[in-house]
């Protein structure tokens, strides 16, 4: 469906004709014979377009417009006027109408106006949804930001796994947000009220690793002047997050395996077993199976940790998320420093989209903060080193992607939106490796 339209006219023949025209073009249409009937169908969450005749008995189109604008100033309302009502239509535009169409009108004139209005309404609703997601910290969308299909999949997987107690292994490059994903698995789980304990295995010296993980009793070794609760014990009832698990020493891998098998631990210097109930979420950069083959990681521990897997896509594989993420982090930085973030220019956006972001989201956050503080410099190895043609290619690919996403793979709509003939659009999509199948709604079949 191309969107929803409410059409109001007191003449049944006109209502029937307009409904047929619009439905043949893929719109969902509801007709009303009065303004009062239409008002019962519209609220601030209505995601469609209203088309109304001006002259109607009772509440006329202008009064209806006034009430709709008061309900939602961004709702597109198209007014249909008689030949002598043009001055009235001009006043309606000043009062908030999106467009006016003079009777008698052709189907093409109506369709053109409705399509433009629906495009505007879709963008308004999408922006509102994103703002609501950012403001609601209890939503996974506010924690794992992105509009790409890859992020939709990741959020769904996180919510599915959050309700279980299985151990999870997270794969992702440096800076891709592995700890953020682990935190979401905890925050949206039944363990949310218990501790979330994070440990970077690569940052702990091997000499103190066992004490850090399992704790120790007073006098267990030189310098152990007091009892210490280890990270595992501290996570009891909650979640233990082990980042860069591939860096854990082999000796500690064996002891961790025992904890996972027996649900008990012993502090250094103690013979007393302590019961622990925890979920372990691990994060890794390399393939742990390669580490097992190289003798650096225990295979039995891998199977204990890898009950379920999550893969975080690198930023270069979800470039459509870059503008949204950059705006979000720049706004956060600007607020933190008491400033207003400057808008991105087309050239700056092209730079962001053409960069490969080896540091992923962490690198993007740094760039957004520099932008908010007006300390922006081009990401290394991108626009400063690329030709104008290369930058324009990257920007063109992004425009095509956004249009396909907005039109949900409908090539006819993309052609109209970008004002491109089919042959040119097909050539550009082929050159950039884009397929309409990747943008079809879930469950839709290619025709």
Protein backbone atom coordinates (compact mmCIF):
# COMPACT_ATOMS: atom_id res chain seq x y z
CA UNK A 1 0.00 0.00 0.00
CA UNK A 2 1.14 3.55 -0.80
CA UNK A 3 -0.56 5.00 2.28
CA UNK A 4 -3.95 5.87 3.71
CA UNK A 5 -6.33 8.56 2.50
CA UNK A 6 -9.50 9.89 4.09
CA UNK A 7 -11.74 11.57 1.50
CA UNK A 8 -14.67 13.75 2.58
CA UNK A 9 -17.47 14.87 0.22
CA UNK A 10 -21.22 15.00 0.67
CA UNK A 11 -21.86 13.65 -2.86
CA UNK A 12 -21.86 9.85 -3.04
CA UNK A 13 -20.92 9.70 -6.75
CA UNK A 14 -17.78 11.79 -6.18
CA UNK A 15 -16.81 9.72 -3.15
CA UNK A 16 -17.13 6.51 -5.17
CA UNK A 17 -15.13 7.84 -8.15
CA UNK A 18 -12.28 9.18 -6.01
CA UNK A 19 -12.11 5.99 -3.99
CA UNK A 20 -11.73 3.94 -7.18
CA UNK A 21 -9.02 6.23 -8.59
CA UNK A 22 -6.94 6.16 -5.45
CA UNK A 23 -7.34 2.44 -4.75
CA UNK A 24 -6.25 1.60 -8.29
CA UNK A 25 -3.03 3.51 -7.51
CA UNK A 26 -2.38 1.46 -4.38
CA UNK A 27 -3.83 3.69 -1.65
CA UNK A 28 -6.05 2.54 1.19
CA UNK A 29 -9.11 4.81 1.13
CA UNK A 30 -11.86 5.57 3.63
CA UNK A 31 -14.64 7.92 2.52
CA UNK A 32 -16.84 10.12 4.70
CA UNK A 33 -19.95 12.14 3.91
CA UNK A 34 -19.34 14.73 6.64
CA UNK A 35 -16.57 16.46 8.57
CA UNK A 36 -17.89 15.04 11.82
CA UNK A 37 -17.49 11.47 10.52
CA UNK A 38 -13.91 12.21 9.40
CA UNK A 39 -12.91 13.71 12.74
CA UNK A 40 -13.78 10.44 14.45
CA UNK A 41 -11.18 8.69 12.26
CA UNK A 42 -8.23 11.03 12.75
CA UNK A 43 -5.90 11.51 15.66
CA UNK A 44 -2.27 12.63 16.03
CA UNK A 45 -1.07 9.10 15.17
CA UNK A 46 -2.89 9.01 11.83
CA UNK A 47 -0.19 8.31 9.22
CA UNK A 48 -2.12 9.27 6.11
CA UNK A 49 -3.56 12.21 4.17
CA UNK A 50 -6.94 13.98 4.37
CA UNK A 51 -8.70 15.23 1.22
CA UNK A 52 -11.85 17.28 1.79
CA UNK A 53 -14.35 19.27 -0.20
CA UNK A 54 -14.75 22.85 1.01
CA UNK A 55 -18.48 23.39 0.67
CA UNK A 56 -20.42 20.85 2.75
CA UNK A 57 -23.51 21.14 4.97
CA UNK A 58 -22.89 21.52 8.67
CA UNK A 59 -19.15 21.73 9.39
CA UNK A 60 -17.55 22.83 6.11
CA UNK A 61 -14.07 22.06 4.86
CA UNK A 62 -12.50 25.21 6.30
CA UNK A 63 -13.83 24.47 9.79
CA UNK A 64 -12.59 20.88 9.41
CA UNK A 65 -9.17 22.18 8.37
CA UNK A 66 -9.00 24.37 11.46
CA UNK A 67 -9.78 21.43 13.74
CA UNK A 68 -7.30 19.12 11.98
CA UNK A 69 -4.49 21.68 12.13
CA UNK A 70 -5.18 22.14 15.85
CA UNK A 71 -4.97 18.35 16.26
CA UNK A 72 -1.75 17.99 14.24
CA UNK A 73 -0.17 20.99 12.46
CA UNK A 74 1.89 18.62 10.27
CA UNK A 75 -1.06 16.62 8.95
CA UNK A 76 -1.39 17.15 5.15
CA UNK A 77 -4.89 18.35 4.30
CA UNK A 78 -5.80 18.79 0.62
CA UNK A 79 -8.82 21.02 -0.06
CA UNK A 80 -11.12 20.51 -3.07
CA UNK A 81 -12.75 23.73 -4.25
CA UNK A 82 -15.32 24.86 -6.76
CA UNK A 83 -14.53 27.29 -9.57
CA UNK A 84 -15.49 30.37 -7.59
CA UNK A 85 -13.68 29.38 -4.40
CA UNK A 86 -10.07 30.11 -5.38
CA UNK A 87 -9.68 33.10 -2.99
CA UNK A 88 -11.08 30.87 -0.26
CA UNK A 89 -8.54 28.16 -1.19
CA UNK A 90 -5.67 30.65 -0.95
CA UNK A 91 -6.82 31.54 2.54
CA UNK A 92 -6.97 27.83 3.37
CA UNK A 93 -3.31 27.46 2.34
CA UNK A 94 -2.44 30.29 4.70
CA UNK A 95 -4.36 28.51 7.44
CA UNK A 96 -2.37 25.30 7.04
CA UNK A 97 -3.78 23.38 4.06
CA UNK A 98 -1.19 21.35 2.14
CA UNK A 99 -2.72 21.95 -1.33
CA UNK A 100 -5.97 22.79 -3.06
CA UNK A 101 -7.47 21.23 -6.17
CA UNK A 102 -10.04 23.04 -8.29
CA UNK A 103 -13.11 21.18 -9.60
CA UNK A 104 -13.43 19.54 -12.02
CA UNK A 105 -10.11 17.75 -11.56
CA UNK A 106 -8.44 14.84 -13.31
CA UNK A 107 -7.30 11.66 -11.55
CA UNK A 108 -3.69 12.54 -12.36
CA UNK A 109 -3.94 15.93 -10.64
CA UNK A 110 -5.38 14.34 -7.50
CA UNK A 111 -2.85 11.49 -7.49
CA UNK A 112 0.09 13.86 -7.88
CA UNK A 113 -0.99 15.91 -4.86
CA UNK A 114 -1.83 12.88 -2.71
CA UNK A 115 1.51 11.19 -3.47
CA UNK A 116 3.51 14.28 -2.53
CA UNK A 117 1.46 14.74 0.63
CA UNK A 118 1.91 11.07 1.59
CA UNK A 119 5.69 11.31 1.08
CA UNK A 120 5.76 14.29 3.43
CA UNK A 121 3.57 12.52 5.98
CA UNK A 122 5.74 9.40 5.92
CA UNK A 123 8.86 11.44 6.70
CA UNK A 124 7.08 13.31 9.51
CA UNK A 125 5.89 10.05 11.09
CA UNK A 126 9.32 8.41 10.76
CA UNK A 127 11.02 11.40 12.42
CA UNK A 128 8.47 11.41 15.23
CA UNK A 129 9.00 7.70 15.78
CA UNK A 130 12.77 8.16 15.96
CA UNK A 131 12.45 11.06 18.41
CA UNK A 132 10.11 8.99 20.57
CA UNK A 133 12.54 6.08 20.52
CA UNK A 134 15.42 8.31 21.59
CA UNK A 135 13.37 9.81 24.41
CA UNK A 136 12.14 6.44 25.74
CA UNK A 137 15.12 4.86 27.44
CA UNK A 138 13.10 1.73 28.11
CA UNK A 139 12.99 0.89 24.42
CA UNK A 140 15.71 -1.16 22.74
CA UNK A 141 15.54 1.22 19.75
CA UNK A 142 16.83 4.02 21.98
CA UNK A 143 19.87 1.92 22.91
CA UNK A 144 20.71 0.24 19.60
CA UNK A 145 20.25 3.05 17.09
CA UNK A 146 19.90 2.53 13.37
CA UNK A 147 17.42 2.29 10.53
CA UNK A 148 19.21 -0.44 8.54
CA UNK A 149 17.83 -3.92 8.10
CA UNK A 150 20.91 -5.27 9.89
CA UNK A 151 20.10 -3.24 13.01
CA UNK A 152 16.44 -4.27 12.86
CA UNK A 153 17.59 -7.88 12.87
CA UNK A 154 20.04 -7.29 15.72
CA UNK A 155 17.41 -5.58 17.90
CA UNK A 156 14.97 -8.44 17.31
CA UNK A 157 17.61 -11.02 18.19
CA UNK A 158 18.58 -9.11 21.34
CA UNK A 159 15.00 -8.99 22.58
CA UNK A 160 14.49 -12.68 21.82
CA UNK A 161 17.65 -13.68 23.72
CA UNK A 162 17.10 -11.21 26.57
CA UNK A 163 14.15 -13.25 27.80
CA UNK A 164 16.28 -16.38 28.13
CA UNK A 165 19.12 -17.25 30.51
CA UNK A 166 21.49 -18.75 27.91
CA UNK A 167 25.09 -17.61 27.61
CA UNK A 168 25.72 -15.44 24.55
CA UNK A 169 28.85 -14.86 22.46
CA UNK A 170 28.97 -11.49 20.68
CA UNK A 171 31.11 -11.04 17.57
CA UNK A 172 32.12 -7.56 16.48
CA UNK A 173 34.98 -5.34 15.43
CA UNK A 174 36.64 -2.78 17.69
CA UNK A 175 34.27 0.05 18.53
CA UNK A 176 31.19 -1.66 17.08
CA UNK A 177 29.25 -1.55 20.36
CA UNK A 178 29.65 -5.02 21.86
CA UNK A 179 29.29 -3.79 25.44
CA UNK A 180 26.18 -1.80 24.50
CA UNK A 181 24.61 -4.96 23.07
CA UNK A 182 25.59 -6.92 26.19
CA UNK A 183 24.06 -4.22 28.36
CA UNK A 184 20.79 -4.46 26.41
CA UNK A 185 20.72 -8.23 26.87
CA UNK A 186 20.90 -7.54 30.60
CA UNK A 187 18.62 -4.49 30.80
CA UNK A 188 15.77 -6.16 28.92
CA UNK A 189 16.07 -9.45 30.81
CA UNK A 190 14.55 -10.70 34.10
CA UNK A 191 18.00 -10.06 35.62
CA UNK A 192 17.78 -6.30 34.98
CA UNK A 193 17.48 -5.46 38.67
CA UNK A 194 20.69 -7.32 39.51
CA UNK A 195 24.32 -6.31 38.81
CA UNK A 196 25.80 -6.00 35.34
CA UNK A 197 29.53 -6.58 35.80
CA UNK A 198 31.91 -5.90 32.91
CA UNK A 199 35.52 -7.08 32.66
CA UNK A 200 37.90 -6.46 29.76
CA UNK A 201 40.08 -9.56 29.75
CA UNK A 202 42.80 -7.86 27.68
CA UNK A 203 43.22 -5.08 30.25
CA UNK A 204 43.94 -7.33 33.29
CA UNK A 205 47.56 -8.43 33.93
CA UNK A 206 47.83 -12.20 34.06
CA UNK A 207 49.39 -12.06 37.58
CA UNK A 208 46.19 -10.65 39.10
CA UNK A 209 43.65 -12.17 36.74
CA UNK A 210 42.54 -14.95 39.07
CA UNK A 211 42.08 -12.57 42.00
CA UNK A 212 40.15 -10.12 39.82
CA UNK A 213 37.81 -12.82 38.53
CA UNK A 214 37.37 -15.06 41.57
CA UNK A 215 38.31 -12.80 44.50
CA UNK A 216 40.61 -13.64 47.43
CA UNK A 217 40.70 -13.97 51.18
CA UNK A 218 42.85 -11.82 53.44
CA UNK A 219 46.43 -13.11 53.40
CA UNK A 220 45.93 -15.30 50.31
CA UNK A 221 49.10 -13.81 48.81
CA UNK A 222 51.59 -11.05 49.53
CA UNK A 223 49.75 -7.77 49.58
CA UNK A 224 46.29 -9.30 50.11
CA UNK A 225 45.54 -7.37 53.29
CA UNK A 226 41.77 -7.66 53.08
CA UNK A 227 39.13 -9.92 51.59
CA UNK A 228 38.12 -9.07 48.03
CA UNK A 229 34.92 -10.04 46.22
CA UNK A 230 35.74 -11.08 42.64
CA UNK A 231 33.84 -10.07 39.51
CA UNK A 232 32.05 -13.40 39.22
CA UNK A 233 30.74 -13.29 42.78
CA UNK A 234 29.75 -9.65 42.41
CA UNK A 235 27.65 -10.59 39.35
CA UNK A 236 25.64 -13.15 41.35
CA UNK A 237 22.02 -13.01 40.22
CA UNK A 238 22.91 -10.79 37.30
CA UNK A 239 25.14 -10.75 34.23
CA UNK A 240 28.91 -11.09 33.81
CA UNK A 241 30.23 -9.49 30.61
CA UNK A 242 33.68 -10.69 29.53
CA UNK A 243 35.02 -8.49 26.75
CA UNK A 244 37.89 -9.72 24.57
CA UNK A 245 37.43 -13.21 26.02
CA UNK A 246 40.12 -14.49 23.65
CA UNK A 247 42.70 -12.77 25.90
CA UNK A 248 41.79 -14.83 29.00
CA UNK A 249 44.79 -16.95 30.18
CA UNK A 250 44.34 -20.70 29.68
CA UNK A 251 44.64 -21.42 33.41
CA UNK A 252 41.72 -19.09 34.14
CA UNK A 253 39.71 -20.54 31.27
CA UNK A 254 39.76 -23.92 33.07
CA UNK A 255 38.58 -22.34 36.33
CA UNK A 256 35.85 -20.36 34.59
CA UNK A 257 34.64 -23.55 32.91
CA UNK A 258 34.31 -25.18 36.33
CA UNK A 259 32.26 -22.25 37.61
CA UNK A 260 29.91 -22.52 34.63
CA UNK A 261 29.53 -26.26 35.09
CA UNK A 262 29.11 -26.39 38.87
CA UNK A 263 27.69 -22.93 39.58
CA UNK A 264 30.14 -22.54 42.45
CA UNK A 265 33.47 -20.77 42.98
CA UNK A 266 36.22 -20.62 45.59
CA UNK A 267 38.07 -17.43 46.43
CA UNK A 268 41.85 -17.54 46.40
CA UNK A 269 43.03 -18.70 49.83
CA UNK A 270 39.70 -20.35 50.71
CA UNK A 271 38.32 -23.88 50.55
CA UNK A 272 34.72 -22.77 50.93
CA UNK A 273 32.47 -23.14 47.87
CA UNK A 274 30.22 -20.19 47.12
CA UNK A 275 27.06 -20.68 45.07
CA UNK A 276 26.68 -18.27 42.16
CA UNK A 277 23.86 -17.71 39.70
CA UNK A 278 24.90 -15.70 36.72
CA UNK A 279 24.60 -15.37 33.00
CA UNK A 280 27.82 -14.94 31.01
CA UNK A 281 27.92 -12.74 27.93
CA UNK A 282 31.25 -12.77 26.11
CA UNK A 283 32.58 -10.60 23.31
CA UNK A 284 35.26 -11.49 20.81
CA UNK A 285 36.96 -9.97 17.75
CA UNK A 286 38.67 -13.03 16.16
CA UNK A 287 37.00 -16.35 15.35
CA UNK A 288 37.25 -18.40 18.56
CA UNK A 289 37.32 -21.61 16.53
CA UNK A 290 40.62 -20.39 15.05
CA UNK A 291 41.85 -19.70 18.58
CA UNK A 292 40.86 -23.25 19.58
CA UNK A 293 42.77 -24.74 16.64
CA UNK A 294 45.80 -22.65 17.58
CA UNK A 295 45.67 -23.99 21.15
CA UNK A 296 44.96 -20.59 22.70
CA UNK A 297 41.37 -21.27 23.76
CA UNK A 298 39.65 -24.26 25.33
CA UNK A 299 37.11 -25.93 23.07
CA UNK A 300 34.93 -27.06 25.98
CA UNK A 301 34.74 -23.49 27.30
CA UNK A 302 33.84 -22.21 23.84
CA UNK A 303 30.81 -24.50 23.75
CA UNK A 304 29.75 -23.33 27.21
CA UNK A 305 29.98 -19.67 26.20
CA UNK A 306 28.63 -20.02 22.69
CA UNK A 307 25.10 -21.26 23.37
CA UNK A 308 23.80 -18.37 21.25
CA UNK A 309 25.64 -15.96 18.96
CA UNK A 310 25.13 -12.35 17.96
CA UNK A 311 27.00 -10.62 15.14
CA UNK A 312 27.27 -6.83 15.17
CA UNK A 313 27.69 -5.50 11.62
CA UNK A 314 30.54 -3.00 11.14
CA UNK A 315 29.51 0.55 10.30
CA UNK A 316 30.80 0.28 6.72
CA UNK A 317 28.19 -2.43 6.08
CA UNK A 318 25.30 -0.27 7.29
CA UNK A 319 26.15 3.14 5.91
CA UNK A 320 22.49 4.14 5.91
CA UNK A 321 22.77 4.39 9.71
CA UNK A 322 25.62 6.91 9.60
CA UNK A 323 23.57 10.16 9.22
CA UNK A 324 21.18 9.20 12.03
CA UNK A 325 23.97 8.11 14.38
CA UNK A 326 26.08 11.16 13.61
CA UNK A 327 23.20 13.58 14.23
CA UNK A 328 22.35 11.81 17.49
CA UNK A 329 25.89 11.84 18.87
CA UNK A 330 26.52 15.41 17.68
CA UNK A 331 23.35 16.58 19.44
CA UNK A 332 24.39 14.76 22.63
CA UNK A 333 27.84 16.36 22.51
CA UNK A 334 26.42 19.80 21.80
CA UNK A 335 24.05 19.55 24.76
CA UNK A 336 26.87 18.34 26.99
CA UNK A 337 29.02 21.33 26.06
CA UNK A 338 26.19 23.88 26.07
CA UNK A 339 26.32 24.46 22.33
CA UNK A 340 24.19 23.98 19.25
CA UNK A 341 25.53 21.48 16.71
CA UNK A 342 25.99 23.03 13.25
CA UNK A 343 24.07 21.31 10.42
CA UNK A 344 25.96 18.99 8.10
CA UNK A 345 26.70 20.31 4.63
CA UNK A 346 26.25 17.98 1.62
CA UNK A 347 30.05 17.79 1.27
CA UNK A 348 30.46 16.81 4.93
CA UNK A 349 27.76 14.16 4.59
CA UNK A 350 29.52 12.77 1.51
CA UNK A 351 32.72 12.54 3.56
CA UNK A 352 30.98 10.61 6.32
CA UNK A 353 29.38 8.22 3.85
CA UNK A 354 32.57 7.55 1.90
CA UNK A 355 34.71 6.79 4.97
CA UNK A 356 35.14 3.12 5.97
CA UNK A 357 35.12 3.83 9.75
CA UNK A 358 37.67 1.24 10.92
CA UNK A 359 36.94 2.36 14.49
CA UNK A 360 33.20 1.91 13.88
CA UNK A 361 30.73 3.69 16.19
CA UNK A 362 33.47 4.71 18.62
CA UNK A 363 35.24 6.60 15.82
CA UNK A 364 31.94 8.12 14.66
CA UNK A 365 31.22 9.39 18.19
CA UNK A 366 34.61 11.12 18.19
CA UNK A 367 33.91 12.72 14.81
CA UNK A 368 30.45 13.86 15.95
CA UNK A 369 31.88 15.48 19.08
CA UNK A 370 34.51 17.31 17.04
CA UNK A 371 31.74 18.50 14.72
CA UNK A 372 29.64 19.74 17.64
CA UNK A 373 32.67 21.67 18.94
CA UNK A 374 33.42 22.92 15.41
CA UNK A 375 36.76 21.13 15.39
CA UNK A 376 35.80 19.00 12.38
CA UNK A 377 38.43 17.54 10.17
CA UNK A 378 38.01 15.06 7.35
CA UNK A 379 38.28 11.40 8.41
CA UNK A 380 41.69 10.12 7.45
CA UNK A 381 41.90 8.49 4.07
CA UNK A 382 38.55 9.68 2.75
CA UNK A 383 37.47 12.91 1.12
CA UNK A 384 40.89 14.54 1.28
CA UNK A 385 42.34 11.61 -0.67
CA UNK A 386 39.39 10.93 -2.97
CA UNK A 387 38.44 12.52 -6.23
CA UNK A 388 35.24 14.50 -6.59
CA UNK A 389 33.86 11.67 -8.73
CA UNK A 390 34.46 9.13 -5.94
CA UNK A 391 32.72 11.32 -3.38
CA UNK A 392 29.76 11.89 -5.72
CA UNK A 393 29.51 8.13 -6.33
CA UNK A 394 29.28 7.51 -2.58
CA UNK A 395 26.62 10.20 -2.19
CA UNK A 396 24.63 8.85 -5.17
CA UNK A 397 24.66 5.35 -3.67
CA UNK A 398 23.32 6.73 -0.39
CA UNK A 399 20.53 8.65 -2.17
CA UNK A 400 19.49 5.51 -4.05
CA UNK A 401 19.53 3.47 -0.86
CA UNK A 402 17.36 5.97 1.00
CA UNK A 403 14.84 6.15 -1.85
CA UNK A 404 14.59 2.35 -2.09
CA UNK A 405 14.15 2.15 1.67
CA UNK A 406 11.51 4.90 1.73
CA UNK A 407 9.58 3.31 -1.16
CA UNK A 408 10.07 -0.20 0.26
CA UNK A 409 11.47 -1.55 -3.00
CA UNK A 410 8.70 -0.15 -5.23
CA UNK A 411 10.64 0.79 -8.38
CA UNK A 412 7.84 2.93 -9.82
CA UNK A 413 7.79 5.05 -6.66
CA UNK A 414 11.59 5.35 -6.67
CA UNK A 415 11.50 6.53 -10.31
CA UNK A 416 8.94 9.19 -9.41
CA UNK A 417 10.76 10.26 -6.24
CA UNK A 418 14.18 10.60 -7.89
CA UNK A 419 12.75 11.66 -11.28
CA UNK A 420 14.74 9.00 -13.11
CA UNK A 421 13.71 6.84 -16.08
CA UNK A 422 13.67 3.10 -15.40
CA UNK A 423 16.71 2.32 -17.55
CA UNK A 424 18.87 4.92 -15.80
CA UNK A 425 17.69 3.76 -12.37
CA UNK A 426 18.42 0.12 -13.21
CA UNK A 427 21.94 0.99 -14.42
CA UNK A 428 22.71 2.99 -11.28
CA UNK A 429 21.36 0.28 -8.96
CA UNK A 430 23.43 -2.35 -10.77
CA UNK A 431 26.57 -0.20 -10.54
CA UNK A 432 26.13 0.28 -6.80
CA UNK A 433 25.16 -3.34 -6.13
CA UNK A 434 21.61 -2.49 -4.99
CA UNK A 435 18.68 -4.90 -5.38
CA UNK A 436 15.02 -4.05 -4.83
CA UNK A 437 14.58 -7.46 -3.17
CA UNK A 438 16.58 -6.22 -0.17
CA UNK A 439 14.01 -3.47 0.46
CA UNK A 440 10.75 -5.38 0.16
CA UNK A 441 8.67 -5.54 3.36
CA UNK A 442 9.09 -8.75 5.39
CA UNK A 443 6.91 -11.46 3.91
CA UNK A 444 6.46 -9.69 0.58
CA UNK A 445 7.20 -11.63 -2.58
CA UNK A 446 8.93 -10.38 -5.68
CA UNK A 447 6.57 -9.99 -8.63
